[in-house]
PDB file of all heavy atoms in Angstrom:
ATOM      1  N   TRP A   1     -67.077  54.107 -16.544  1.00  0.00           N
ATOM      2  CA  TRP A   1     -67.890  53.594 -15.443  1.00  0.00           C
ATOM      3  C   TRP A   1     -69.042  52.734 -15.945  1.00  0.00           C
ATOM      4  O   TRP A   1     -69.346  51.692 -15.354  1.00  0.00           O
ATOM      5  CB  TRP A   1     -68.405  54.767 -14.597  1.00  0.00           C
ATOM      6  CG  TRP A   1     -67.352  55.239 -13.627  1.00  0.00           C
ATOM      7  CD1 TRP A   1     -66.303  56.060 -13.887  1.00  0.00           C
ATOM      8  CD2 TRP A   1     -67.254  54.865 -12.253  1.00  0.00           C
ATOM      9  NE1 TRP A   1     -65.540  56.238 -12.761  1.00  0.00           N
ATOM     10  CE2 TRP A   1     -66.106  55.527 -11.738  1.00  0.00           C
ATOM     11  CE3 TRP A   1     -68.009  54.072 -11.396  1.00  0.00           C
ATOM     12  CZ2 TRP A   1     -65.702  55.390 -10.410  1.00  0.00           C
ATOM     13  CZ3 TRP A   1     -67.616  53.941 -10.070  1.00  0.00           C
ATOM     14  CH2 TRP A   1     -66.483  54.590  -9.586  1.00  0.00           C
ATOM     15  N   PHE A   2     -69.673  53.150 -17.037  1.00  0.00           N
ATOM     16  CA  PHE A   2     -70.751  52.330 -17.584  1.00  0.00           C
ATOM     17  C   PHE A   2     -70.216  50.985 -18.045  1.00  0.00           C
ATOM     18  O   PHE A   2     -70.849  49.945 -17.832  1.00  0.00           O
ATOM     19  CB  PHE A   2     -71.431  53.037 -18.754  1.00  0.00           C
ATOM     20  CG  PHE A   2     -72.496  52.195 -19.411  1.00  0.00           C
ATOM     21  CD1 PHE A   2     -73.740  52.044 -18.816  1.00  0.00           C
ATOM     22  CD2 PHE A   2     -72.250  51.530 -20.607  1.00  0.00           C
ATOM     23  CE1 PHE A   2     -74.719  51.243 -19.408  1.00  0.00           C
ATOM     24  CE2 PHE A   2     -73.213  50.736 -21.203  1.00  0.00           C
ATOM     25  CZ  PHE A   2     -74.451  50.600 -20.600  1.00  0.00           C
ATOM     26  N   GLY A   3     -69.028  50.968 -18.659  1.00  0.00           N
ATOM     27  CA  GLY A   3     -68.443  49.712 -19.120  1.00  0.00           C
ATOM     28  C   GLY A   3     -68.197  48.745 -17.988  1.00  0.00           C
ATOM     29  O   GLY A   3     -68.470  47.541 -18.095  1.00  0.00           O
ATOM     30  N   ALA A   4     -67.682  49.253 -16.869  1.00  0.00           N
ATOM     31  CA  ALA A   4     -67.424  48.399 -15.711  1.00  0.00           C
ATOM     32  C   ALA A   4     -68.725  47.866 -15.119  1.00  0.00           C
ATOM     33  O   ALA A   4     -68.848  46.664 -14.820  1.00  0.00           O
ATOM     34  CB  ALA A   4     -66.638  49.173 -14.656  1.00  0.00           C
ATOM     35  N   ILE A   5     -69.713  48.752 -14.943  1.00  0.00           N
ATOM     36  CA  ILE A   5     -71.004  48.340 -14.373  1.00  0.00           C
ATOM     37  C   ILE A   5     -71.706  47.353 -15.301  1.00  0.00           C
ATOM     38  O   ILE A   5     -72.282  46.345 -14.849  1.00  0.00           O
ATOM     39  CB  ILE A   5     -71.887  49.578 -14.120  1.00  0.00           C
ATOM     40  CG1 ILE A   5     -71.261  50.443 -13.018  1.00  0.00           C
ATOM     41  CG2 ILE A   5     -73.300  49.172 -13.743  1.00  0.00           C
ATOM     42  CD1 ILE A   5     -71.923  51.798 -12.861  1.00  0.00           C
ATOM     43  N   TYR A   6     -71.663  47.631 -16.589  1.00  0.00           N
ATOM     44  CA  TYR A   6     -72.295  46.748 -17.572  1.00  0.00           C
ATOM     45  C   TYR A   6     -71.726  45.340 -17.480  1.00  0.00           C
ATOM     46  O   TYR A   6     -72.477  44.351 -17.369  1.00  0.00           O
ATOM     47  CB  TYR A   6     -72.089  47.322 -18.968  1.00  0.00           C
ATOM     48  CG  TYR A   6     -72.447  46.364 -20.083  1.00  0.00           C
ATOM     49  CD1 TYR A   6     -73.747  46.285 -20.559  1.00  0.00           C
ATOM     50  CD2 TYR A   6     -71.479  45.532 -20.656  1.00  0.00           C
ATOM     51  CE1 TYR A   6     -74.086  45.406 -21.578  1.00  0.00           C
ATOM     52  CE2 TYR A   6     -71.811  44.652 -21.679  1.00  0.00           C
ATOM     53  CZ  TYR A   6     -73.107  44.598 -22.129  1.00  0.00           C
ATOM     54  OH  TYR A   6     -73.423  43.711 -23.129  1.00  0.00           O
ATOM     55  N   ASP A   7     -70.403  45.212 -17.548  1.00  0.00           N
ATOM     56  CA  ASP A   7     -69.783  43.880 -17.537  1.00  0.00           C
ATOM     57  C   ASP A   7     -70.054  43.133 -16.242  1.00  0.00           C
ATOM     58  O   ASP A   7     -70.265  41.913 -16.251  1.00  0.00           O
ATOM     59  CB  ASP A   7     -68.268  44.010 -17.744  1.00  0.00           C
ATOM     60  CG  ASP A   7     -67.896  44.270 -19.200  1.00  0.00           C
ATOM     61  OD1 ASP A   7     -68.687  43.921 -20.087  1.00  0.00           O
ATOM     62  OD2 ASP A   7     -66.815  44.826 -19.445  1.00  0.00           O
ATOM     63  N   LEU A   8     -70.055  43.835 -15.123  1.00  0.00           N
ATOM     64  CA  LEU A   8     -70.255  43.177 -13.829  1.00  0.00           C
ATOM     65  C   LEU A   8     -71.674  42.659 -13.650  1.00  0.00           C
ATOM     66  O   LEU A   8     -71.888  41.587 -13.079  1.00  0.00           O
ATOM     67  CB  LEU A   8     -69.918  44.145 -12.692  1.00  0.00           C
ATOM     68  CG  LEU A   8     -68.436  44.410 -12.431  1.00  0.00           C
ATOM     69  CD1 LEU A   8     -68.275  45.544 -11.433  1.00  0.00           C
ATOM     70  CD2 LEU A   8     -67.734  43.154 -11.913  1.00  0.00           C
ATOM     71  N   PHE A   9     -72.654  43.399 -14.143  1.00  0.00           N
ATOM     72  CA  PHE A   9     -74.049  43.074 -13.823  1.00  0.00           C
ATOM     73  C   PHE A   9     -74.850  42.465 -14.969  1.00  0.00           C
ATOM     74  O   PHE A   9     -75.892  41.865 -14.727  1.00  0.00           O
ATOM     75  CB  PHE A   9     -74.765  44.335 -13.317  1.00  0.00           C
ATOM     76  CG  PHE A   9     -74.279  44.792 -11.968  1.00  0.00           C
ATOM     77  CD1 PHE A   9     -73.379  45.835 -11.875  1.00  0.00           C
ATOM     78  CD2 PHE A   9     -74.695  44.154 -10.808  1.00  0.00           C
ATOM     79  CE1 PHE A   9     -72.913  46.256 -10.639  1.00  0.00           C
ATOM     80  CE2 PHE A   9     -74.232  44.561  -9.573  1.00  0.00           C
ATOM     81  CZ  PHE A   9     -73.334  45.618  -9.478  1.00  0.00           C
ATOM     82  N   ILE A  10     -74.375  42.591 -16.213  1.00  0.00           N
ATOM     83  CA  ILE A  10     -75.189  42.112 -17.328  1.00  0.00           C
ATOM     84  C   ILE A  10     -75.486  40.612 -17.270  1.00  0.00           C
ATOM     85  O   ILE A  10     -76.608  40.193 -17.606  1.00  0.00           O
ATOM     86  CB  ILE A  10     -74.548  42.498 -18.689  1.00  0.00           C
ATOM     87  CG1 ILE A  10     -75.610  42.459 -19.804  1.00  0.00           C
ATOM     88  CG2 ILE A  10     -73.363  41.608 -19.028  1.00  0.00           C
ATOM     89  CD1 ILE A  10     -76.686  43.495 -19.649  1.00  0.00           C
ATOM     90  N   PRO A  11     -74.552  39.739 -16.833  1.00  0.00           N
ATOM     91  CA  PRO A  11     -74.923  38.319 -16.777  1.00  0.00           C
ATOM     92  C   PRO A  11     -76.030  38.039 -15.776  1.00  0.00           C
ATOM     93  O   PRO A  11     -76.898  37.188 -16.024  1.00  0.00           O
ATOM     94  CB  PRO A  11     -73.608  37.621 -16.392  1.00  0.00           C
ATOM     95  CG  PRO A  11     -72.761  38.684 -15.786  1.00  0.00           C
ATOM     96  CD  PRO A  11     -73.144  39.943 -16.471  1.00  0.00           C
ATOM     97  N   PHE A  12     -76.038  38.762 -14.641  1.00  0.00           N
ATOM     98  CA  PHE A  12     -77.099  38.574 -13.654  1.00  0.00           C
ATOM     99  C   PHE A  12     -78.445  39.046 -14.214  1.00  0.00           C
ATOM    100  O   PHE A  12     -79.481  38.415 -13.986  1.00  0.00           O
ATOM    101  CB  PHE A  12     -76.771  39.353 -12.374  1.00  0.00           C
ATOM    102  CG  PHE A  12     -75.532  38.879 -11.675  1.00  0.00           C
ATOM    103  CD1 PHE A  12     -74.339  39.562 -11.820  1.00  0.00           C
ATOM    104  CD2 PHE A  12     -75.562  37.747 -10.871  1.00  0.00           C
ATOM    105  CE1 PHE A  12     -73.189  39.132 -11.178  1.00  0.00           C
ATOM    106  CE2 PHE A  12     -74.420  37.302 -10.217  1.00  0.00           C
ATOM    107  CZ  PHE A  12     -73.224  37.992 -10.371  1.00  0.00           C
ATOM    108  N   LEU A  13     -78.426  40.149 -14.946  1.00  0.00           N
ATOM    109  CA  LEU A  13     -79.660  40.691 -15.516  1.00  0.00           C
ATOM    110  C   LEU A  13     -80.196  39.805 -16.637  1.00  0.00           C
ATOM    111  O   LEU A  13     -81.415  39.723 -16.838  1.00  0.00           O
ATOM    112  CB  LEU A  13     -79.402  42.103 -16.044  1.00  0.00           C
ATOM    113  CG  LEU A  13     -78.993  43.139 -14.985  1.00  0.00           C
ATOM    114  CD1 LEU A  13     -78.654  44.468 -15.645  1.00  0.00           C
ATOM    115  CD2 LEU A  13     -80.091  43.319 -13.951  1.00  0.00           C
ATOM    116  N   LEU A  14     -79.306  39.136 -17.354  1.00  0.00           N
ATOM    117  CA  LEU A  14     -79.744  38.223 -18.415  1.00  0.00           C
ATOM    118  C   LEU A  14     -80.354  36.951 -17.848  1.00  0.00           C
ATOM    119  O   LEU A  14     -81.271  36.361 -18.434  1.00  0.00           O
ATOM    120  CB  LEU A  14     -78.566  37.876 -19.326  1.00  0.00           C
ATOM    121  CG  LEU A  14     -78.109  38.981 -20.288  1.00  0.00           C
ATOM    122  CD1 LEU A  14     -76.763  38.617 -20.911  1.00  0.00           C
ATOM    123  CD2 LEU A  14     -79.149  39.222 -21.376  1.00  0.00           C
ATOM    124  N   ILE A  15     -79.859  36.520 -16.707  1.00  0.00           N
ATOM    125  CA  ILE A  15     -80.386  35.308 -16.076  1.00  0.00           C
ATOM    126  C   ILE A  15     -81.803  35.539 -15.557  1.00  0.00           C
ATOM    127  O   ILE A  15     -82.660  34.665 -15.627  1.00  0.00           O
ATOM    128  CB  ILE A  15     -79.454  34.861 -14.930  1.00  0.00           C
ATOM    129  CG1 ILE A  15     -78.135  34.332 -15.500  1.00  0.00           C
ATOM    130  CG2 ILE A  15     -80.119  33.791 -14.074  1.00  0.00           C
ATOM    131  CD1 ILE A  15     -77.094  34.046 -14.446  1.00  0.00           C
ATOM    132  N   ASN A  16     -82.057  36.748 -15.041  1.00  0.00           N
ATOM    133  CA  ASN A  16     -83.346  37.080 -14.445  1.00  0.00           C
ATOM    134  C   ASN A  16     -84.388  37.339 -15.539  1.00  0.00           C
ATOM    135  O   ASN A  16     -84.212  38.200 -16.399  1.00  0.00           O
ATOM    136  CB  ASN A  16     -83.195  38.321 -13.554  1.00  0.00           C
ATOM    137  CG  ASN A  16     -84.430  38.566 -12.704  1.00  0.00           C
ATOM    138  OD1 ASN A  16     -85.565  38.478 -13.167  1.00  0.00           O
ATOM    139  ND2 ASN A  16     -84.209  38.877 -11.437  1.00  0.00           N
ATOM    140  N   LYS A  17     -85.470  36.604 -15.502  1.00  0.00           N
ATOM    141  CA  LYS A  17     -86.509  36.721 -16.522  1.00  0.00           C
ATOM    142  C   LYS A  17     -87.098  38.120 -16.582  1.00  0.00           C
ATOM    143  O   LYS A  17     -87.401  38.641 -17.662  1.00  0.00           O
ATOM    144  CB  LYS A  17     -87.616  35.697 -16.241  1.00  0.00           C
ATOM    145  CG  LYS A  17     -88.726  35.689 -17.277  1.00  0.00           C
ATOM    146  CD  LYS A  17     -89.778  34.628 -16.944  1.00  0.00           C
ATOM    147  CE  LYS A  17     -90.895  34.633 -17.986  1.00  0.00           C
ATOM    148  NZ  LYS A  17     -91.920  33.595 -17.681  1.00  0.00           N
ATOM    149  N   LYS A  18     -87.228  38.786 -15.418  1.00  0.00           N
ATOM    150  CA  LYS A  18     -87.859  40.102 -15.368  1.00  0.00           C
ATOM    151  C   LYS A  18     -86.996  41.194 -16.009  1.00  0.00           C
ATOM    152  O   LYS A  18     -87.520  42.193 -16.491  1.00  0.00           O
ATOM    153  CB  LYS A  18     -88.168  40.474 -13.915  1.00  0.00           C
ATOM    154  CG  LYS A  18     -89.206  39.580 -13.261  1.00  0.00           C
ATOM    155  CD  LYS A  18     -89.466  40.003 -11.824  1.00  0.00           C
ATOM    156  CE  LYS A  18     -90.512  39.111 -11.159  1.00  0.00           C
ATOM    157  NZ  LYS A  18     -90.768  39.512  -9.750  1.00  0.00           N
ATOM    158  N   THR A  19     -85.693  41.005 -15.982  1.00  0.00           N
ATOM    159  CA  THR A  19     -84.793  42.042 -16.505  1.00  0.00           C
ATOM    160  C   THR A  19     -84.148  41.640 -17.828  1.00  0.00           C
ATOM    161  O   THR A  19     -83.323  42.378 -18.357  1.00  0.00           O
ATOM    162  CB  THR A  19     -83.686  42.347 -15.479  1.00  0.00           C
ATOM    163  OG1 THR A  19     -82.977  41.132 -15.164  1.00  0.00           O
ATOM    164  CG2 THR A  19     -84.266  42.935 -14.208  1.00  0.00           C
ATOM    165  N   ARG A  20     -84.513  40.488 -18.361  1.00  0.00           N
ATOM    166  CA  ARG A  20     -83.816  39.938 -19.534  1.00  0.00           C
ATOM    167  C   ARG A  20     -83.978  40.827 -20.777  1.00  0.00           C
ATOM    168  O   ARG A  20     -83.004  41.073 -21.494  1.00  0.00           O
ATOM    169  CB  ARG A  20     -84.330  38.531 -19.820  1.00  0.00           C
ATOM    170  CG  ARG A  20     -83.574  37.824 -20.948  1.00  0.00           C
ATOM    171  CD  ARG A  20     -84.022  36.384 -21.021  1.00  0.00           C
ATOM    172  NE  ARG A  20     -83.698  35.670 -19.796  1.00  0.00           N
ATOM    173  CZ  ARG A  20     -84.497  34.779 -19.212  1.00  0.00           C
ATOM    174  NH1 ARG A  20     -85.691  34.519 -19.728  1.00  0.00           N
ATOM    175  NH2 ARG A  20     -84.115  34.168 -18.107  1.00  0.00           N
ATOM    176  N   ILE A  21     -85.179  41.290 -21.049  1.00  0.00           N
ATOM    177  CA  ILE A  21     -85.412  42.084 -22.263  1.00  0.00           C
ATOM    178  C   ILE A  21     -84.623  43.395 -22.231  1.00  0.00           C
ATOM    179  O   ILE A  21     -83.883  43.696 -23.185  1.00  0.00           O
ATOM    180  CB  ILE A  21     -86.918  42.356 -22.479  1.00  0.00           C
ATOM    181  CG1 ILE A  21     -87.672  41.034 -22.674  1.00  0.00           C
ATOM    182  CG2 ILE A  21     -87.117  43.271 -23.679  1.00  0.00           C
ATOM    183  CD1 ILE A  21     -87.231  40.247 -23.881  1.00  0.00           C
ATOM    184  N   PRO A  22     -84.747  44.210 -21.173  1.00  0.00           N
ATOM    185  CA  PRO A  22     -83.934  45.434 -21.148  1.00  0.00           C
ATOM    186  C   PRO A  22     -82.437  45.137 -21.105  1.00  0.00           C
ATOM    187  O   PRO A  22     -81.640  45.900 -21.660  1.00  0.00           O
ATOM    188  CB  PRO A  22     -84.393  46.157 -19.879  1.00  0.00           C
ATOM    189  CG  PRO A  22     -85.099  45.131 -19.062  1.00  0.00           C
ATOM    190  CD  PRO A  22     -85.671  44.168 -20.021  1.00  0.00           C
ATOM    191  N   ALA A  23     -82.046  44.025 -20.487  1.00  0.00           N
ATOM    192  CA  ALA A  23     -80.628  43.654 -20.447  1.00  0.00           C
ATOM    193  C   ALA A  23     -80.117  43.327 -21.844  1.00  0.00           C
ATOM    194  O   ALA A  23     -79.012  43.736 -22.220  1.00  0.00           O
ATOM    195  CB  ALA A  23     -80.423  42.462 -19.511  1.00  0.00           C
ATOM    196  N   PHE A  24     -80.926  42.598 -22.610  1.00  0.00           N
ATOM    197  CA  PHE A  24     -80.491  42.268 -23.970  1.00  0.00           C
ATOM    198  C   PHE A  24     -80.450  43.517 -24.848  1.00  0.00           C
ATOM    199  O   PHE A  24     -79.580  43.638 -25.721  1.00  0.00           O
ATOM    200  CB  PHE A  24     -81.419  41.228 -24.594  1.00  0.00           C
ATOM    201  CG  PHE A  24     -80.947  40.744 -25.932  1.00  0.00           C
ATOM    202  CD1 PHE A  24     -79.810  39.971 -26.053  1.00  0.00           C
ATOM    203  CD2 PHE A  24     -81.655  41.068 -27.086  1.00  0.00           C
ATOM    204  CE1 PHE A  24     -79.360  39.533 -27.295  1.00  0.00           C
ATOM    205  CE2 PHE A  24     -81.221  40.633 -28.325  1.00  0.00           C
ATOM    206  CZ  PHE A  24     -80.065  39.864 -28.429  1.00  0.00           C
ATOM    207  N   ALA A  25     -81.372  44.447 -24.611  1.00  0.00           N
ATOM    208  CA  ALA A  25     -81.322  45.723 -25.331  1.00  0.00           C
ATOM    209  C   ALA A  25     -80.016  46.441 -25.013  1.00  0.00           C
ATOM    210  O   ALA A  25     -79.382  47.031 -25.897  1.00  0.00           O
ATOM    211  CB  ALA A  25     -82.519  46.589 -24.944  1.00  0.00           C
ATOM    212  N   ALA A  26     -79.601  46.377 -23.744  1.00  0.00           N
ATOM    213  CA  ALA A  26     -78.321  46.979 -23.344  1.00  0.00           C
ATOM    214  C   ALA A  26     -77.153  46.272 -24.018  1.00  0.00           C
ATOM    215  O   ALA A  26     -76.168  46.907 -24.407  1.00  0.00           O
ATOM    216  CB  ALA A  26     -78.176  46.924 -21.825  1.00  0.00           C
ATOM    217  N   VAL A  27     -77.255  44.951 -24.157  1.00  0.00           N
ATOM    218  CA  VAL A  27     -76.222  44.185 -24.852  1.00  0.00           C
ATOM    219  C   VAL A  27     -76.062  44.691 -26.285  1.00  0.00           C
ATOM    220  O   VAL A  27     -74.945  44.920 -26.761  1.00  0.00           O
ATOM    221  CB  VAL A  27     -76.568  42.673 -24.855  1.00  0.00           C
ATOM    222  CG1 VAL A  27     -75.652  41.916 -25.820  1.00  0.00           C
ATOM    223  CG2 VAL A  27     -76.424  42.094 -23.448  1.00  0.00           C
ATOM    224  N   ILE A  28     -77.181  44.870 -26.966  1.00  0.00           N
ATOM    225  CA  ILE A  28     -77.136  45.333 -28.359  1.00  0.00           C
ATOM    226  C   ILE A  28     -76.533  46.727 -28.442  1.00  0.00           C
ATOM    227  O   ILE A  28     -75.620  46.984 -29.244  1.00  0.00           O
ATOM    228  CB  ILE A  28     -78.543  45.309 -28.975  1.00  0.00           C
ATOM    229  CG1 ILE A  28     -79.064  43.873 -29.070  1.00  0.00           C
ATOM    230  CG2 ILE A  28     -78.530  45.972 -30.357  1.00  0.00           C
ATOM    231  CD1 ILE A  28     -80.500  43.770 -29.531  1.00  0.00           C
ATOM    232  N   VAL A  29     -77.030  47.643 -27.619  1.00  0.00           N
ATOM    233  CA  VAL A  29     -76.540  49.026 -27.647  1.00  0.00           C
ATOM    234  C   VAL A  29     -75.053  49.078 -27.319  1.00  0.00           C
ATOM    235  O   VAL A  29     -74.269  49.743 -28.015  1.00  0.00           O
ATOM    236  CB  VAL A  29     -77.341  49.906 -26.664  1.00  0.00           C
ATOM    237  CG1 VAL A  29     -76.696  51.294 -26.546  1.00  0.00           C
ATOM    238  CG2 VAL A  29     -78.785  50.038 -27.122  1.00  0.00           C
ATOM    239  N   PHE A  30     -74.653  48.367 -26.275  1.00  0.00           N
ATOM    240  CA  PHE A  30     -73.260  48.388 -25.829  1.00  0.00           C
ATOM    241  C   PHE A  30     -72.327  47.865 -26.910  1.00  0.00           C
ATOM    242  O   PHE A  30     -71.315  48.500 -27.250  1.00  0.00           O
ATOM    243  CB  PHE A  30     -73.108  47.551 -24.559  1.00  0.00           C
ATOM    244  CG  PHE A  30     -71.700  47.482 -24.035  1.00  0.00           C
ATOM    245  CD1 PHE A  30     -71.190  48.480 -23.226  1.00  0.00           C
ATOM    246  CD2 PHE A  30     -70.878  46.410 -24.356  1.00  0.00           C
ATOM    247  CE1 PHE A  30     -69.888  48.422 -22.741  1.00  0.00           C
ATOM    248  CE2 PHE A  30     -69.579  46.330 -23.889  1.00  0.00           C
ATOM    249  CZ  PHE A  30     -69.086  47.342 -23.077  1.00  0.00           C
ATOM    250  N   HIS A  31     -72.652  46.711 -27.477  1.00  0.00           N
ATOM    251  CA  HIS A  31     -71.743  46.091 -28.438  1.00  0.00           C
ATOM    252  C   HIS A  31     -71.763  46.783 -29.795  1.00  0.00           C
ATOM    253  O   HIS A  31     -70.719  46.856 -30.466  1.00  0.00           O
ATOM    254  CB  HIS A  31     -72.065  44.610 -28.576  1.00  0.00           C
ATOM    255  CG  HIS A  31     -71.614  43.803 -27.395  1.00  0.00           C
ATOM    256  ND1 HIS A  31     -70.288  43.673 -27.052  1.00  0.00           N
ATOM    257  CD2 HIS A  31     -72.319  43.090 -26.482  1.00  0.00           C
ATOM    258  CE1 HIS A  31     -70.188  42.914 -25.978  1.00  0.00           C
ATOM    259  NE2 HIS A  31     -71.402  42.549 -25.607  1.00  0.00           N
ATOM    260  N   VAL A  32     -72.908  47.298 -30.211  1.00  0.00           N
ATOM    261  CA  VAL A  32     -72.943  48.060 -31.465  1.00  0.00           C
ATOM    262  C   VAL A  32     -72.135  49.345 -31.318  1.00  0.00           C
ATOM    263  O   VAL A  32     -71.408  49.753 -32.233  1.00  0.00           O
ATOM    264  CB  VAL A  32     -74.392  48.366 -31.879  1.00  0.00           C
ATOM    265  CG1 VAL A  32     -74.428  49.379 -33.029  1.00  0.00           C
ATOM    266  CG2 VAL A  32     -75.109  47.090 -32.294  1.00  0.00           C
ATOM    267  N   MET A  33     -72.234  49.979 -30.149  1.00  0.00           N
ATOM    268  CA  MET A  33     -71.474  51.201 -29.911  1.00  0.00           C
ATOM    269  C   MET A  33     -69.969  50.920 -29.916  1.00  0.00           C
ATOM    270  O   MET A  33     -69.194  51.671 -30.527  1.00  0.00           O
ATOM    271  CB  MET A  33     -71.879  51.807 -28.562  1.00  0.00           C
ATOM    272  CG  MET A  33     -71.159  53.116 -28.230  1.00  0.00           C
ATOM    273  SD  MET A  33     -71.605  54.467 -29.349  1.00  0.00           S
ATOM    274  CE  MET A  33     -73.274  54.824 -28.797  1.00  0.00           C
TER     275      MET A  33
END
């Protein structure tokens, strides 16, 4: 479920300046995992 939610919403969160930093942290955690 996290994988599906992550892929669907991460591009929107990266575009938004307010959510970009935590979104990129999620990118790192997700892909390293």
